[in-house]
Amino acid sequence: MKASAGQLSPHDAFARRVAVGPRMSPAERFGRELARCRKERGLSQRRLADRLSCSPSLVGHIETGSRNPQLDFAEACDQFFELPEKDYFSRLCCRIRQSPSGPGWYLRWLDEIEPNATILRTWDPLLIPGLFQTERYARAVFRGHLGTSEPEVEDQVSARMERQLIFTRDNPPTLWVLIDEWILQRRIGGPHVMADQLNHLTTVATHHNVTIQIVPADNPCTDGLMSGFVIAELAEAPTTVSVESAGKGEVSAELDLVSLIWDRYDRLRAEAYRPGESLEKIKEAAERWSQKT
C-alpha cells in the first residue's frame, strides 16, 4: 500500500525502526525487535509464546537479551510477524551466532553502526580506507599480517568487500575522507596492485556522496599520527567514533571522546588539499605506479 503524503512507506518505516540502537549487542537487538513486534500486535508474552509453541519464560528471557534464540525460534518469528524483510529475525539470529568470532567493539561497528550511518568522516594515516580497497589491495594487506593462513585471508577479504555494499543501498552514506599523502607512495602488493587501487580511488572520488582529500606529507599537524579513526553520524542515535590502535580498537559515543576526535578531524582537514587538487594528486600517483609495471 502506498504511503500518503507526509507518511513513511511500510518499508521505509521498518528501515527507520531497525536503525535505532547502534550500541546494542546482536542478542539485545533481537530481543528489542521481538518485544516491539509483539507489542505492536497487542500480544502478551504468554499469547506470543502460544503462537510460537514455546514457553512464556523463553520469550521473556530472549526479549531481555539474557538468552540467545535458536534459529528455529527466529524462523517461527519470521513466519508469524511477516515483516517487510521476510527473514529479518533469522538474519539477526545468525549475527548472534557469529558474534564470538571477533572482538565485540569491531562487531558492533560493522554490524550496527557503519551500515546505518548517514555520514561517515574518516582519517587514515597508513592505508587506503577499507571501504575503498580493491580485492587485490585488501588481499595484500591481510597477507602481510604474520601468522594469517590463506583461508583466513580470503575470509577477511570477503568481509571487507561485503562492507562496501553500503554504497549500493537506496540511501548510501555521505563520506568525507582524509588520507595521508604517504599512502599514495606506500607499496602494497606491488605496482600493478597500487595502480589499480589508485585508479579505483579516482573513480570513487567522482561519486556525488564521496569527498576525498589528501593531507600533505609535510603536514605540521601531528594529531593524525596517533591513530586512524572514523566518525559516524546516525539518524536516530548518538554520533559514534571508532578509533584504531595496535591492539584493541575502541568504539564509543562518549561525548568527550567524540569531541576530541572531531577536533582532530577538523585540524587535519584544515591542512588538506582541496578535493580537486587531491584528485590530481591521486591521478599523478596512479600514473607513476603504472609506469613501474
Protein backbone atom coordinates (compact mmCIF):
# COMPACT_ATOMS: atom_id res chain seq x y z
CA MET A 1 0.00 0.00 0.00
CA LYS A 2 1.35 3.40 -0.95
CA ALA A 3 2.02 5.81 1.89
CA SER A 4 0.11 9.10 1.92
CA ALA A 5 1.90 12.45 1.84
CA GLY A 6 3.97 13.02 4.95
CA GLN A 7 3.95 9.31 5.88
CA LEU A 8 6.69 6.74 5.52
CA SER A 9 6.07 3.70 3.38
CA PRO A 10 5.99 0.41 5.33
CA HIS A 11 9.46 -0.43 4.00
CA ASP A 12 10.96 2.97 4.96
CA ALA A 13 9.27 2.92 8.37
CA PHE A 14 10.72 -0.53 9.00
CA ALA A 15 14.18 0.61 7.92
CA ARG A 16 13.98 3.58 10.30
CA ARG A 17 12.97 1.40 13.25
CA VAL A 18 15.81 -1.05 12.84
CA ALA A 19 18.38 1.76 12.58
CA VAL A 20 17.89 2.58 16.28
CA GLY A 21 20.21 1.28 18.99
CA PRO A 22 23.66 1.09 17.36
CA ARG A 23 25.37 0.18 20.65
CA MET A 24 23.21 -2.87 21.34
CA SER A 25 24.67 -6.35 21.08
CA PRO A 26 23.08 -8.62 18.44
CA ALA A 27 21.21 -10.53 21.18
CA GLU A 28 19.87 -7.31 22.72
CA ARG A 29 18.78 -6.08 19.32
CA PHE A 30 16.94 -9.34 18.64
CA GLY A 31 15.17 -9.04 21.99
CA ARG A 32 14.23 -5.42 21.45
CA GLU A 33 12.82 -6.15 18.00
CA LEU A 34 10.88 -9.15 19.31
CA ALA A 35 9.34 -7.05 22.10
CA ARG A 36 8.49 -4.24 19.68
CA CYS A 37 6.75 -6.54 17.20
CA ARG A 38 4.89 -8.32 19.99
CA LYS A 39 3.59 -5.07 21.47
CA GLU A 40 2.56 -3.73 18.05
CA ARG A 41 0.37 -6.85 17.71
CA GLY A 42 -1.11 -6.24 21.17
CA LEU A 43 0.14 -9.58 22.47
CA SER A 44 1.35 -10.57 25.91
CA GLN A 45 4.45 -12.75 26.21
CA ARG A 46 2.18 -15.69 27.05
CA ARG A 47 0.00 -15.19 23.97
CA LEU A 48 3.05 -14.86 21.72
CA ALA A 49 4.53 -17.98 23.28
CA ASP A 50 1.33 -19.85 22.38
CA ARG A 51 1.65 -18.71 18.76
CA LEU A 52 5.31 -19.76 18.63
CA SER A 53 4.80 -23.06 20.52
CA CYS A 54 7.28 -22.22 23.26
CA SER A 55 7.20 -21.17 26.92
CA PRO A 56 6.44 -17.60 28.06
CA SER A 57 9.66 -17.62 30.08
CA LEU A 58 11.67 -18.26 26.91
CA VAL A 59 10.08 -15.24 25.23
CA GLY A 60 10.84 -13.14 28.31
CA HIS A 61 14.48 -14.21 28.52
CA ILE A 62 15.04 -13.59 24.80
CA GLU A 63 13.42 -10.15 24.98
CA THR A 64 15.77 -9.10 27.79
CA GLY A 65 18.79 -10.48 25.94
CA SER A 66 19.60 -12.93 28.74
CA ARG A 67 19.13 -15.94 26.45
CA ASN A 68 20.07 -16.36 22.82
CA PRO A 69 17.36 -17.50 20.40
CA GLN A 70 17.80 -20.64 18.32
CA LEU A 71 17.39 -20.46 14.56
CA ASP A 72 14.08 -22.36 14.60
CA PHE A 73 12.68 -19.79 17.04
CA ALA A 74 13.80 -16.96 14.73
CA GLU A 75 12.25 -18.66 11.70
CA ALA A 76 8.97 -19.04 13.61
CA CYS A 77 9.06 -15.31 14.37
CA ASP A 78 9.56 -14.53 10.67
CA GLN A 79 6.60 -16.70 9.72
CA PHE A 80 4.34 -15.22 12.40
CA PHE A 81 5.14 -11.49 12.11
CA GLU A 82 5.57 -11.41 8.28
CA LEU A 83 7.75 -8.29 8.33
CA PRO A 84 8.77 -6.48 5.10
CA GLU A 85 12.19 -8.18 5.32
CA LYS A 86 10.95 -11.77 5.31
CA ASP A 87 14.00 -13.33 7.00
CA TYR A 88 14.68 -10.44 9.39
CA PHE A 89 14.70 -12.39 12.66
CA SER A 90 16.67 -15.22 11.06
CA ARG A 91 19.37 -12.78 9.99
CA LEU A 92 19.52 -11.24 13.46
CA CYS A 93 19.87 -14.72 14.88
CA CYS A 94 22.75 -15.52 12.54
CA ARG A 95 24.54 -12.36 13.70
CA ILE A 96 24.26 -13.56 17.29
CA ARG A 97 25.72 -16.92 16.35
CA GLN A 98 28.62 -15.24 14.52
CA SER A 99 29.38 -12.73 17.28
CA PRO A 100 32.00 -14.82 19.17
CA SER A 101 34.24 -14.80 16.05
CA GLY A 102 35.70 -11.34 16.67
CA PRO A 103 36.17 -8.55 19.20
CA GLY A 104 32.93 -7.03 20.43
CA TRP A 105 33.94 -3.47 19.55
CA TYR A 106 34.66 -4.42 15.94
CA LEU A 107 31.47 -6.41 15.50
CA ARG A 108 29.32 -3.64 16.95
CA TRP A 109 30.83 -1.22 14.45
CA LEU A 110 30.40 -3.48 11.39
CA ASP A 111 27.05 -4.94 12.38
CA GLU A 112 25.19 -1.95 13.77
CA ILE A 113 26.91 1.39 13.27
CA GLU A 114 28.61 1.60 9.87
CA PRO A 115 25.67 0.10 7.91
CA ASN A 116 23.24 2.61 9.48
CA ALA A 117 25.38 5.74 9.29
CA THR A 118 24.12 8.74 7.33
CA ILE A 119 27.54 10.46 7.32
CA LEU A 120 30.99 8.92 7.79
CA ARG A 121 34.10 11.04 8.33
CA THR A 122 37.35 9.11 8.19
CA TRP A 123 41.06 9.67 8.65
CA ASP A 124 43.61 7.09 7.51
CA PRO A 125 47.35 7.67 8.07
CA LEU A 126 48.62 4.30 6.82
CA LEU A 127 46.36 2.56 4.26
CA ILE A 128 43.61 3.20 1.73
CA PRO A 129 40.33 3.13 3.73
CA GLY A 130 38.77 -0.33 3.84
CA LEU A 131 35.53 0.88 2.23
CA PHE A 132 37.52 1.85 -0.89
CA GLN A 133 40.00 -1.02 -1.11
CA THR A 134 40.11 -3.27 -4.16
CA GLU A 135 40.19 -7.01 -3.60
CA ARG A 136 43.86 -7.26 -4.59
CA TYR A 137 44.89 -4.41 -2.32
CA ALA A 138 42.90 -5.84 0.61
CA ARG A 139 44.37 -9.29 -0.02
CA ALA A 140 47.90 -7.85 0.07
CA VAL A 141 47.12 -6.05 3.33
CA PHE A 142 45.81 -9.19 5.04
CA ARG A 143 48.62 -11.38 3.70
CA GLY A 144 51.05 -9.01 5.40
CA HIS A 145 49.71 -10.00 8.82
CA LEU A 146 52.04 -12.53 10.42
CA GLY A 147 50.54 -15.93 11.10
CA THR A 148 47.43 -15.44 8.95
CA SER A 149 46.51 -18.52 6.90
CA GLU A 150 45.30 -18.27 3.31
CA PRO A 151 41.70 -19.30 4.17
CA GLU A 152 41.68 -16.62 6.86
CA VAL A 153 42.95 -14.07 4.35
CA GLU A 154 40.16 -14.93 1.91
CA ASP A 155 37.54 -14.72 4.67
CA GLN A 156 38.83 -11.28 5.62
CA VAL A 157 38.83 -10.08 2.01
CA SER A 158 35.24 -11.29 1.54
CA ALA A 159 34.16 -9.49 4.70
CA ARG A 160 35.83 -6.29 3.53
CA MET A 161 34.12 -6.46 0.14
CA GLU A 162 30.78 -7.09 1.86
CA ARG A 163 31.19 -3.87 3.85
CA GLN A 164 31.24 -1.95 0.58
CA LEU A 165 27.64 -3.00 -0.10
CA ILE A 166 26.54 0.05 1.90
CA PHE A 167 27.18 2.04 -1.30
CA THR A 168 24.50 0.04 -3.15
CA ARG A 169 21.69 0.79 -0.71
CA ASP A 170 18.92 3.23 -1.64
CA ASN A 171 20.31 5.97 0.60
CA PRO A 172 24.11 5.46 0.72
CA PRO A 173 26.02 7.42 3.36
CA THR A 174 27.86 10.64 2.67
CA LEU A 175 31.62 10.15 3.11
CA TRP A 176 34.21 12.77 3.96
CA VAL A 177 37.58 11.06 3.63
CA LEU A 178 41.02 12.29 4.68
CA ILE A 179 44.03 10.26 3.51
CA ASP A 180 47.70 10.87 4.30
CA GLU A 181 49.76 11.62 1.18
CA TRP A 182 52.31 8.94 2.10
CA ILE A 183 49.65 6.28 1.44
CA LEU A 184 49.85 7.07 -2.29
CA GLN A 185 53.54 6.13 -2.21
CA ARG A 186 53.38 3.14 0.15
CA ARG A 187 53.85 -0.05 -1.86
CA ILE A 188 51.15 -2.59 -1.02
CA GLY A 189 51.12 -5.69 -3.24
CA GLY A 190 53.31 -4.25 -6.00
CA PRO A 191 52.97 -1.65 -8.80
CA HIS A 192 50.03 -3.38 -10.55
CA VAL A 193 48.04 -3.52 -7.32
CA MET A 194 48.84 0.10 -6.46
CA ALA A 195 47.98 1.43 -9.93
CA ASP A 196 44.69 -0.46 -9.94
CA GLN A 197 43.88 0.70 -6.41
CA LEU A 198 44.56 4.37 -7.09
CA ASN A 199 42.63 4.30 -10.36
CA HIS A 200 39.71 2.86 -8.40
CA LEU A 201 40.09 5.65 -5.87
CA THR A 202 39.88 8.29 -8.62
CA THR A 203 36.61 6.73 -9.78
CA VAL A 204 35.17 6.66 -6.26
CA ALA A 205 36.16 10.31 -5.75
CA THR A 206 33.77 11.36 -8.54
CA HIS A 207 30.70 9.93 -6.74
CA HIS A 208 28.33 12.64 -5.55
CA ASN A 209 28.31 11.37 -1.96
CA VAL A 210 32.10 10.99 -1.60
CA THR A 211 34.67 13.73 -0.93
CA ILE A 212 38.31 12.64 -0.73
CA GLN A 213 41.05 14.99 0.43
CA ILE A 214 44.77 14.29 0.66
CA VAL A 215 46.62 15.57 3.71
CA PRO A 216 50.15 16.71 2.65
CA ALA A 217 53.10 14.59 3.72
CA ASP A 218 54.72 17.66 5.30
CA ASN A 219 51.59 18.49 7.30
CA PRO A 220 52.68 20.19 10.56
CA CYS A 221 49.66 18.80 12.48
CA THR A 222 50.78 15.72 14.43
CA ASP A 223 47.31 14.83 15.78
CA GLY A 224 46.76 12.35 12.95
CA LEU A 225 49.93 10.39 13.72
CA MET A 226 48.31 8.86 16.81
CA SER A 227 45.74 6.67 15.04
CA GLY A 228 43.18 6.37 12.30
CA PHE A 229 39.55 6.95 13.15
CA VAL A 230 36.01 7.15 11.82
CA ILE A 231 33.20 9.44 12.95
CA ALA A 232 29.73 8.06 12.26
CA GLU A 233 26.61 10.22 12.34
CA LEU A 234 23.34 8.30 12.63
CA ALA A 235 19.75 9.41 12.10
CA GLU A 236 18.36 8.28 15.44
CA ALA A 237 21.38 7.55 17.62
CA PRO A 238 24.32 9.50 19.08
CA THR A 239 27.36 10.31 16.95
CA THR A 240 29.82 7.45 17.46
CA VAL A 241 33.55 7.12 16.84
CA SER A 242 35.78 4.16 16.06
CA VAL A 243 39.42 4.70 16.99
CA GLU A 244 42.13 2.29 15.85
CA SER A 245 45.03 1.08 17.93
CA ALA A 246 47.79 -1.50 17.63
CA GLY A 247 45.83 -3.86 19.85
CA LYS A 248 42.19 -3.36 20.69
CA GLY A 249 40.27 -0.57 18.99
CA GLU A 250 37.57 1.48 20.67
CA VAL A 251 34.00 2.29 19.66
CA SER A 252 32.32 4.96 21.75
CA ALA A 253 29.57 7.58 21.78
CA GLU A 254 31.02 9.20 24.92
CA LEU A 255 30.81 12.97 24.37
CA ASP A 256 34.34 13.89 25.43
CA LEU A 257 35.94 11.31 23.13
CA VAL A 258 33.67 12.21 20.21
CA SER A 259 34.56 15.89 20.66
CA LEU A 260 38.28 15.09 20.83
CA ILE A 261 38.21 13.01 17.64
CA TRP A 262 36.10 15.59 15.82
CA ASP A 263 38.61 18.29 16.78
CA ARG A 264 41.44 16.16 15.35
CA TYR A 265 39.45 15.65 12.16
CA ASP A 266 38.89 19.42 11.77
CA ARG A 267 42.58 20.15 12.34
CA LEU A 268 43.64 17.61 9.73
CA ARG A 269 41.07 18.79 7.19
CA ALA A 270 42.28 22.37 7.61
CA GLU A 271 45.69 21.22 6.34
CA ALA A 272 44.35 19.08 3.46
CA TYR A 273 44.41 19.82 -0.25
CA ARG A 274 41.09 20.83 -1.77
CA PRO A 275 39.10 17.96 -3.35
CA GLY A 276 40.07 18.91 -6.93
CA GLU A 277 43.77 19.15 -6.02
CA SER A 278 43.53 15.89 -4.13
CA LEU A 279 42.07 14.11 -7.14
CA GLU A 280 45.00 15.32 -9.26
CA LYS A 281 47.44 14.04 -6.64
CA ILE A 282 45.81 10.59 -6.77
CA LYS A 283 45.86 10.53 -10.58
CA GLU A 284 49.54 11.51 -10.66
CA ALA A 285 50.42 8.77 -8.18
CA ALA A 286 48.43 6.20 -10.18
CA GLU A 287 50.34 7.17 -13.30
CA ARG A 288 53.69 6.81 -11.53
CA TRP A 289 52.77 3.31 -10.35
CA SER A 290 51.56 2.40 -13.86
CA GLN A 291 54.96 3.37 -15.27
CA LYS A 292 56.61 0.87 -12.91
CA THR A 293 54.54 -2.09 -14.10
